[in-house]
Amino acid sequence: LTDDVADLGIGLILSTLRRVCVADRFVRSGAWNDADFQLGTQFSGKSVGIIGLGRIGSAIAKRAEAFGCPISYCSRSKKLDVGYKYYKKVTDLAASSDILVVACSLTDETRHIIDHEVLDALGPKGILINIGRGAHVVESELVSALLEGRLGGAGLDVFENEPHVPQELIGLENVVILSHVGSDTIETCKAMADLVIQNLEAHFLKRPLLTPVL
């Protein structure tokens, strides 16, 4: 799943900053005939903070580096094999980032890790990207921060009570909302199905499983 989710994370960043979805609606509605579209925001060179530098977080970092973005991260411990700046506190990471990406696993420790303190630290020009789980974010506080202009925008693939999406987000042009499609590509779904079949074949042939649950 790693590459697909990381690709989508970058897609959400670009879509939010460059207002891709809004521009699409602008053309389809015929508004381009009467006006010029508003300017978007550049991605290249923006500081990217990543919560959770596992496989997906690392893949996002690698892709963001190609855009000339300085990378920093927050995780349970400092990674000795990377040169990115490490922050122990999420609020400190948010305060130093233009874009904050949630890419960690959902645990009791990370549930609602994105709260009003983190959102305020990210600030009115900051962008929140969530390709982790909806419960990482206190949605009511995210909505308030966006409506009050305390947060610049958000790109969201996940929500706490899917398929319910807070109604307040629907009409916001600085928010890109997707239907939890991070890994939903033809190639990955086929690979997942193939892996199930290979595991079943191995089991019934008394061979070692490819991906055992230990």
Protein backbone atom coordinates (compact mmCIF):
# COMPACT_ATOMS: atom_id res chain seq x y z
CA LEU A 1 0.00 0.00 0.00
CA THR A 2 2.94 2.30 0.64
CA ASP A 3 3.44 3.85 -2.79
CA ASP A 4 -0.25 4.45 -3.49
CA VAL A 5 -0.89 6.15 -0.16
CA ALA A 6 2.27 8.25 -0.45
CA ASP A 7 1.32 9.26 -4.00
CA LEU A 8 -2.11 10.33 -2.80
CA GLY A 9 -0.57 12.31 0.05
CA ILE A 10 1.43 14.35 -2.44
CA GLY A 11 -1.67 14.64 -4.61
CA LEU A 12 -3.62 16.09 -1.69
CA ILE A 13 -0.87 18.60 -1.00
CA LEU A 14 -0.83 19.77 -4.61
CA SER A 15 -4.62 19.78 -4.90
CA THR A 16 -5.00 21.86 -1.74
CA LEU A 17 -2.23 24.36 -2.40
CA ARG A 18 -2.89 24.79 -6.13
CA ARG A 19 -6.68 24.64 -5.66
CA VAL A 20 -7.00 21.93 -8.30
CA CYS A 21 -10.56 20.88 -7.42
CA VAL A 22 -11.75 24.48 -7.26
CA ALA A 23 -10.13 25.25 -10.63
CA ASP A 24 -11.83 22.21 -12.14
CA ARG A 25 -15.24 23.43 -10.96
CA PHE A 26 -14.37 26.93 -12.17
CA VAL A 27 -13.89 25.69 -15.74
CA ARG A 28 -16.84 23.27 -15.73
CA SER A 29 -19.22 25.96 -14.48
CA GLY A 30 -18.32 28.29 -17.34
CA ALA A 31 -16.92 30.92 -14.96
CA TRP A 32 -13.65 31.04 -16.91
CA ASN A 33 -15.55 32.84 -19.69
CA ASP A 34 -16.08 35.84 -17.43
CA ALA A 35 -13.15 35.93 -15.01
CA ASP A 36 -9.63 34.79 -14.24
CA PHE A 37 -9.03 32.14 -11.61
CA GLN A 38 -7.49 33.17 -8.29
CA LEU A 39 -3.84 32.41 -7.63
CA GLY A 40 -2.83 29.27 -5.81
CA THR A 41 0.15 28.60 -3.53
CA GLN A 42 3.45 27.06 -4.52
CA PHE A 43 4.42 23.63 -3.17
CA SER A 44 8.10 23.59 -4.11
CA GLY A 45 10.31 24.59 -1.21
CA LYS A 46 7.62 24.46 1.47
CA SER A 47 8.61 22.89 4.78
CA VAL A 48 6.91 19.52 5.27
CA GLY A 49 6.42 18.01 8.71
CA ILE A 50 5.47 14.34 8.92
CA ILE A 51 3.92 12.64 11.93
CA GLY A 52 5.08 9.04 11.77
CA LEU A 53 8.18 8.23 9.73
CA GLY A 54 7.35 4.62 8.95
CA ARG A 55 7.07 3.18 5.46
CA ILE A 56 4.40 5.57 4.25
CA GLY A 57 5.81 8.60 6.03
CA SER A 58 9.27 7.88 4.60
CA ALA A 59 7.83 7.47 1.11
CA ILE A 60 6.07 10.85 1.40
CA ALA A 61 9.30 12.44 2.61
CA LYS A 62 11.19 11.06 -0.38
CA ARG A 63 8.61 12.43 -2.79
CA ALA A 64 8.48 15.83 -1.07
CA GLU A 65 12.26 16.09 -1.25
CA ALA A 66 11.95 15.97 -5.05
CA PHE A 67 10.01 19.24 -4.76
CA GLY A 68 12.89 20.81 -2.83
CA CYS A 69 10.99 20.66 0.47
CA PRO A 70 12.88 20.56 3.77
CA ILE A 71 11.60 17.61 5.80
CA SER A 72 11.11 17.24 9.53
CA TYR A 73 9.25 14.63 11.52
CA CYS A 74 7.84 13.54 14.86
CA SER A 75 7.77 9.94 16.05
CA ARG A 76 8.14 7.95 19.25
CA SER A 77 11.92 7.97 18.84
CA LYS A 78 14.54 9.60 16.65
CA LYS A 79 15.48 7.67 13.51
CA LEU A 80 19.24 7.21 13.35
CA ASP A 81 19.30 6.42 9.63
CA VAL A 82 17.77 9.68 8.32
CA GLY A 83 19.01 13.24 8.23
CA TYR A 84 15.64 14.92 8.71
CA LYS A 85 15.13 17.24 11.67
CA TYR A 86 13.44 15.44 14.55
CA TYR A 87 10.85 16.94 16.89
CA LYS A 88 9.71 15.17 20.01
CA LYS A 89 6.50 17.23 20.30
CA VAL A 90 3.86 17.46 17.59
CA THR A 91 3.18 21.10 18.42
CA ASP A 92 6.82 21.99 17.79
CA LEU A 93 6.73 20.11 14.48
CA ALA A 94 3.55 21.92 13.47
CA ALA A 95 4.99 25.32 14.37
CA SER A 96 7.98 24.70 12.09
CA SER A 97 5.97 23.35 9.12
CA ASP A 98 4.05 24.85 6.23
CA ILE A 99 2.45 21.46 5.60
CA LEU A 100 1.75 18.90 8.31
CA VAL A 101 1.15 15.32 7.14
CA VAL A 102 -0.44 12.71 9.41
CA ALA A 103 1.03 9.33 8.46
CA CYS A 104 1.22 7.46 11.75
CA SER A 105 -0.65 4.40 12.96
CA LEU A 106 -3.77 4.91 15.05
CA THR A 107 -3.11 3.99 18.68
CA ASP A 108 -4.37 5.21 22.02
CA GLU A 109 -1.38 7.54 22.03
CA THR A 110 -2.08 9.04 18.59
CA ARG A 111 -5.89 9.22 18.77
CA HIS A 112 -6.89 12.89 18.48
CA ILE A 113 -3.23 13.88 18.23
CA ILE A 114 -4.29 16.78 16.01
CA ASP A 115 -6.10 19.09 18.40
CA HIS A 116 -6.59 22.85 18.72
CA GLU A 117 -3.06 23.34 20.08
CA VAL A 118 -1.48 21.63 17.07
CA LEU A 119 -3.77 23.42 14.60
CA ASP A 120 -2.99 26.80 16.15
CA ALA A 121 0.72 26.00 15.96
CA LEU A 122 0.35 25.15 12.26
CA GLY A 123 -1.34 28.48 11.78
CA PRO A 124 -3.42 30.44 9.25
CA LYS A 125 -1.08 29.69 6.35
CA GLY A 126 -0.54 26.05 7.29
CA ILE A 127 -2.01 23.02 5.54
CA LEU A 128 -3.05 19.77 7.25
CA ILE A 129 -2.92 16.53 5.24
CA ASN A 130 -4.42 13.37 6.73
CA ILE A 131 -3.81 10.04 5.00
CA GLY A 132 -3.67 8.14 8.31
CA ARG A 133 -6.96 7.60 10.12
CA GLY A 134 -9.83 9.97 10.77
CA ALA A 135 -9.56 9.55 14.54
CA HIS A 136 -6.11 11.16 14.49
CA VAL A 137 -7.92 14.50 14.23
CA VAL A 138 -10.39 16.17 16.56
CA GLU A 139 -12.76 17.00 13.72
CA SER A 140 -14.79 19.62 15.57
CA GLU A 141 -11.60 21.56 16.28
CA LEU A 142 -10.43 21.18 12.69
CA VAL A 143 -13.74 22.58 11.45
CA SER A 144 -13.51 25.52 13.85
CA ALA A 145 -9.92 26.30 12.85
CA LEU A 146 -10.86 26.32 9.16
CA LEU A 147 -14.04 28.38 9.59
CA GLU A 148 -12.26 30.92 11.79
CA GLY A 149 -9.25 31.24 9.48
CA ARG A 150 -6.83 29.85 12.04
CA LEU A 151 -5.78 27.14 9.55
CA GLY A 152 -4.99 27.71 5.90
CA GLY A 153 -6.48 24.53 4.48
CA ALA A 154 -6.69 20.75 4.62
CA GLY A 155 -6.48 17.70 2.39
CA LEU A 156 -8.37 14.78 3.93
CA ASP A 157 -8.70 11.19 2.75
CA VAL A 158 -10.06 9.86 6.06
CA PHE A 159 -12.71 10.80 8.62
CA GLU A 160 -13.57 9.62 12.10
CA ASN A 161 -17.11 8.42 11.33
CA GLU A 162 -16.87 7.35 7.69
CA PRO A 163 -18.73 7.76 5.45
CA HIS A 164 -20.00 10.76 7.43
CA VAL A 165 -18.11 13.96 6.65
CA PRO A 166 -18.71 17.06 8.79
CA GLN A 167 -21.18 19.15 6.80
CA GLU A 168 -19.21 22.32 7.45
CA LEU A 169 -16.32 20.99 5.35
CA ILE A 170 -18.42 20.42 2.24
CA GLY A 171 -18.59 24.03 1.13
CA LEU A 172 -15.04 25.07 2.00
CA GLU A 173 -12.89 25.74 -1.06
CA ASN A 174 -9.66 25.42 0.92
CA VAL A 175 -10.43 21.80 1.79
CA VAL A 176 -10.00 18.75 -0.45
CA ILE A 177 -12.04 15.76 0.71
CA LEU A 178 -11.73 12.20 -0.58
CA SER A 179 -13.51 8.95 0.23
CA HIS A 180 -10.67 6.98 1.89
CA VAL A 181 -9.11 5.97 -1.42
CA GLY A 182 -5.44 6.02 -0.40
CA SER A 183 -4.69 2.48 -1.57
CA ASP A 184 -7.52 2.15 -4.07
CA THR A 185 -5.75 1.56 -7.35
CA ILE A 186 -6.31 -1.27 -9.78
CA GLU A 187 -2.72 -2.40 -9.41
CA THR A 188 -2.66 -2.54 -5.61
CA CYS A 189 -6.09 -4.17 -5.24
CA LYS A 190 -5.04 -6.86 -7.72
CA ALA A 191 -1.79 -7.41 -5.82
CA MET A 192 -3.73 -7.73 -2.55
CA ALA A 193 -6.11 -10.27 -4.08
CA ASP A 194 -3.19 -12.23 -5.56
CA LEU A 195 -1.51 -12.30 -2.16
CA VAL A 196 -4.64 -13.74 -0.52
CA ILE A 197 -4.76 -16.51 -3.11
CA GLN A 198 -1.03 -17.26 -2.72
CA ASN A 199 -1.42 -17.50 1.05
CA LEU A 200 -4.40 -19.85 0.68
CA GLU A 201 -2.51 -22.04 -1.75
CA ALA A 202 0.48 -22.17 0.58
CA HIS A 203 -1.74 -23.09 3.53
CA PHE A 204 -3.49 -25.98 1.79
CA LEU A 205 -0.21 -27.23 0.31
CA LYS A 206 1.33 -27.21 3.81
CA ARG A 207 3.92 -24.66 2.80
CA PRO A 208 5.07 -21.57 4.77
CA LEU A 209 2.67 -18.65 4.44
CA LEU A 210 3.89 -15.60 2.56
CA THR A 211 2.47 -13.19 5.14
CA PRO A 212 1.75 -15.07 8.36
CA VAL A 213 0.00 -13.38 11.27
CA LEU A 214 2.22 -14.04 14.27
